[in-house]
C-alpha cells in the first residue's frame, strides 16, 4: 500500500522560504518514477487546490505545471531514486498559508482535479505571517 509522508512545514514571515518533502513508501523505484506526483493545498474555508504538479519522467517527460498564484516562487522536483517529492517555496506570502498535501495517482500524467488522485499524505501546515 502506498503511503505518503510530508514534512518541512512551519511558520515563517512573509518573504521567507520553506522546503517541503514528501516521502513515498509502498512504491518501487520503477513505479514511483512512472507516477504523477503533485502538491495541493487547502486554506480554511476554501477548496483544496493544485499548487504544483509533475508528470512521470518516463511516460510524460516530467512535465511541470504550477498554479498561477505560485509561478516564479515555487519549484517542484522529484528524486526517483529516493522516492521523494519536493516543493521549494520562496518569497512566501500570507495568502500561501494552508495545509499542504502531497498526492499521487497511478498514471504518469497529472491533472489538477484532486478527485483523480488515489493516494494522499496527512498534510503539513504552512503559516506565513505579514
Protein backbone atom coordinates (compact mmCIF):
# COMPACT_ATOMS: atom_id res chain seq x y z
CA UNK A 1 0.00 0.00 0.00
CA UNK A 2 1.28 3.43 -0.93
CA UNK A 3 1.93 5.85 1.91
CA UNK A 4 2.96 9.48 1.58
CA UNK A 5 4.50 11.42 4.44
CA UNK A 6 5.02 15.17 4.19
CA UNK A 7 7.48 17.21 6.21
CA UNK A 8 9.04 20.65 6.21
CA UNK A 9 6.10 22.86 7.04
CA UNK A 10 6.28 25.59 9.64
CA UNK A 11 5.75 29.26 10.40
CA UNK A 12 7.66 31.94 8.55
CA UNK A 13 7.42 35.63 7.93
CA UNK A 14 6.42 36.99 4.57
CA UNK A 15 9.29 36.83 2.10
CA UNK A 16 10.72 33.75 3.75
CA UNK A 17 11.28 30.27 2.33
CA UNK A 18 10.38 26.70 3.18
CA UNK A 19 11.12 23.38 1.54
CA UNK A 20 8.51 20.66 1.77
CA UNK A 21 9.33 17.00 1.30
CA UNK A 22 7.09 14.02 0.61
CA UNK A 23 8.49 10.55 1.14
CA UNK A 24 6.70 7.72 -0.61
CA UNK A 25 6.66 4.15 0.60
CA UNK A 26 4.96 1.16 -0.94
CA UNK A 27 6.22 2.22 -4.36
CA UNK A 28 9.10 0.54 -6.09
CA UNK A 29 11.56 2.81 -7.85
CA UNK A 30 10.09 1.78 -11.20
CA UNK A 31 6.52 2.56 -10.21
CA UNK A 32 7.39 5.82 -8.46
CA UNK A 33 9.31 7.08 -11.47
CA UNK A 34 6.24 6.43 -13.63
CA UNK A 35 3.74 8.12 -11.30
CA UNK A 36 2.30 11.60 -11.41
CA UNK A 37 3.09 13.49 -8.20
CA UNK A 38 1.54 16.69 -7.01
CA UNK A 39 1.30 19.26 -4.24
CA UNK A 40 -2.10 20.57 -3.23
CA UNK A 41 -3.10 22.99 -0.51
CA UNK A 42 -6.21 23.85 1.42
CA UNK A 43 -6.75 27.03 3.38
CA UNK A 44 -9.51 27.29 5.99
CA UNK A 45 -12.89 27.73 4.36
CA UNK A 46 -11.52 27.16 0.88
CA UNK A 47 -11.44 24.25 -1.51
CA UNK A 48 -8.32 22.18 -1.99
CA UNK A 49 -6.34 23.46 -4.95
CA UNK A 50 -3.48 22.15 -7.02
CA UNK A 51 -0.27 24.07 -6.44
CA UNK A 52 2.37 22.20 -8.43
CA UNK A 53 2.25 19.04 -10.48
CA UNK A 54 4.99 16.93 -12.00
CA UNK A 55 4.39 14.17 -14.51
CA UNK A 56 6.34 10.95 -14.82
CA UNK A 57 9.84 11.40 -16.18
CA UNK A 58 9.42 8.29 -18.27
CA UNK A 59 5.88 8.42 -19.59
CA UNK A 60 5.31 12.15 -19.83
CA UNK A 61 8.75 13.82 -19.94
CA UNK A 62 8.42 15.13 -16.42
CA UNK A 63 6.12 17.96 -17.46
CA UNK A 64 5.63 20.52 -14.69
CA UNK A 65 2.71 22.84 -14.08
CA UNK A 66 2.11 25.47 -11.44
CA UNK A 67 -0.88 27.38 -10.22
CA UNK A 68 -0.69 30.98 -11.43
CA UNK A 69 -0.51 32.21 -7.85
CA UNK A 70 2.81 30.46 -7.21
CA UNK A 71 4.58 30.71 -10.56
CA UNK A 72 8.06 32.12 -10.20
CA UNK A 73 8.10 31.48 -6.46
CA UNK A 74 7.60 27.71 -6.02
CA UNK A 75 9.61 24.90 -7.58
CA UNK A 76 8.54 21.26 -7.64
CA UNK A 77 11.06 18.48 -8.11
CA UNK A 78 11.34 14.75 -7.63
CA UNK A 79 14.10 12.34 -6.72
CA UNK A 80 13.06 9.00 -8.12
CA UNK A 81 15.95 7.12 -6.53
CA UNK A 82 14.89 8.39 -3.10
CA UNK A 83 11.18 8.19 -3.95
CA UNK A 84 10.76 11.70 -2.65
CA UNK A 85 8.90 14.75 -3.92
CA UNK A 86 9.92 18.30 -3.03
CA UNK A 87 8.41 21.75 -3.09
CA UNK A 88 10.75 24.70 -2.68
CA UNK A 89 8.73 27.74 -1.70
CA UNK A 90 10.37 31.17 -1.87
CA UNK A 91 9.07 34.67 -1.29
CA UNK A 92 6.19 33.29 0.74
CA UNK A 93 3.10 35.43 1.21
CA UNK A 94 0.38 35.35 3.87
CA UNK A 95 -2.04 34.01 1.25
CA UNK A 96 0.15 30.90 0.96
CA UNK A 97 -0.96 29.91 4.45
CA UNK A 98 -2.61 26.50 4.18
CA UNK A 99 -2.28 22.81 4.84
CA UNK A 100 -0.11 21.36 2.10
CA UNK A 101 -0.70 17.84 0.84
CA UNK A 102 1.30 15.51 -1.34
CA UNK A 103 -0.69 13.29 -3.69
CA UNK A 104 -0.14 10.72 -6.38
CA UNK A 105 -2.18 8.93 -8.99
CA UNK A 106 -1.49 5.67 -10.73
CA UNK A 107 -0.81 7.18 -14.15
CA UNK A 108 2.11 9.11 -15.47
CA UNK A 109 0.35 12.36 -16.26
CA UNK A 110 -1.17 14.72 -13.74
CA UNK A 111 -4.45 16.56 -13.65
CA UNK A 112 -5.49 19.48 -11.49
CA UNK A 113 -8.59 17.64 -10.24
CA UNK A 114 -8.00 16.39 -6.71
CA UNK A 115 -10.52 13.59 -7.27
CA UNK A 116 -8.23 11.99 -9.84
CA UNK A 117 -5.64 11.20 -7.15
CA UNK A 118 -5.51 7.82 -5.46
CA UNK A 119 -3.24 8.49 -2.50
CA UNK A 120 -2.76 11.41 -0.16
CA UNK A 121 -0.46 12.30 2.69
CA UNK A 122 -1.67 13.67 6.01
CA UNK A 123 -0.50 17.17 5.20
CA UNK A 124 1.94 19.66 6.64
CA UNK A 125 0.93 23.11 7.83
CA UNK A 126 2.47 26.24 6.35
CA UNK A 127 1.77 29.54 8.07
CA UNK A 128 3.06 32.83 6.68
CA UNK A 129 2.78 35.99 8.74
CA UNK A 130 2.84 39.51 7.38
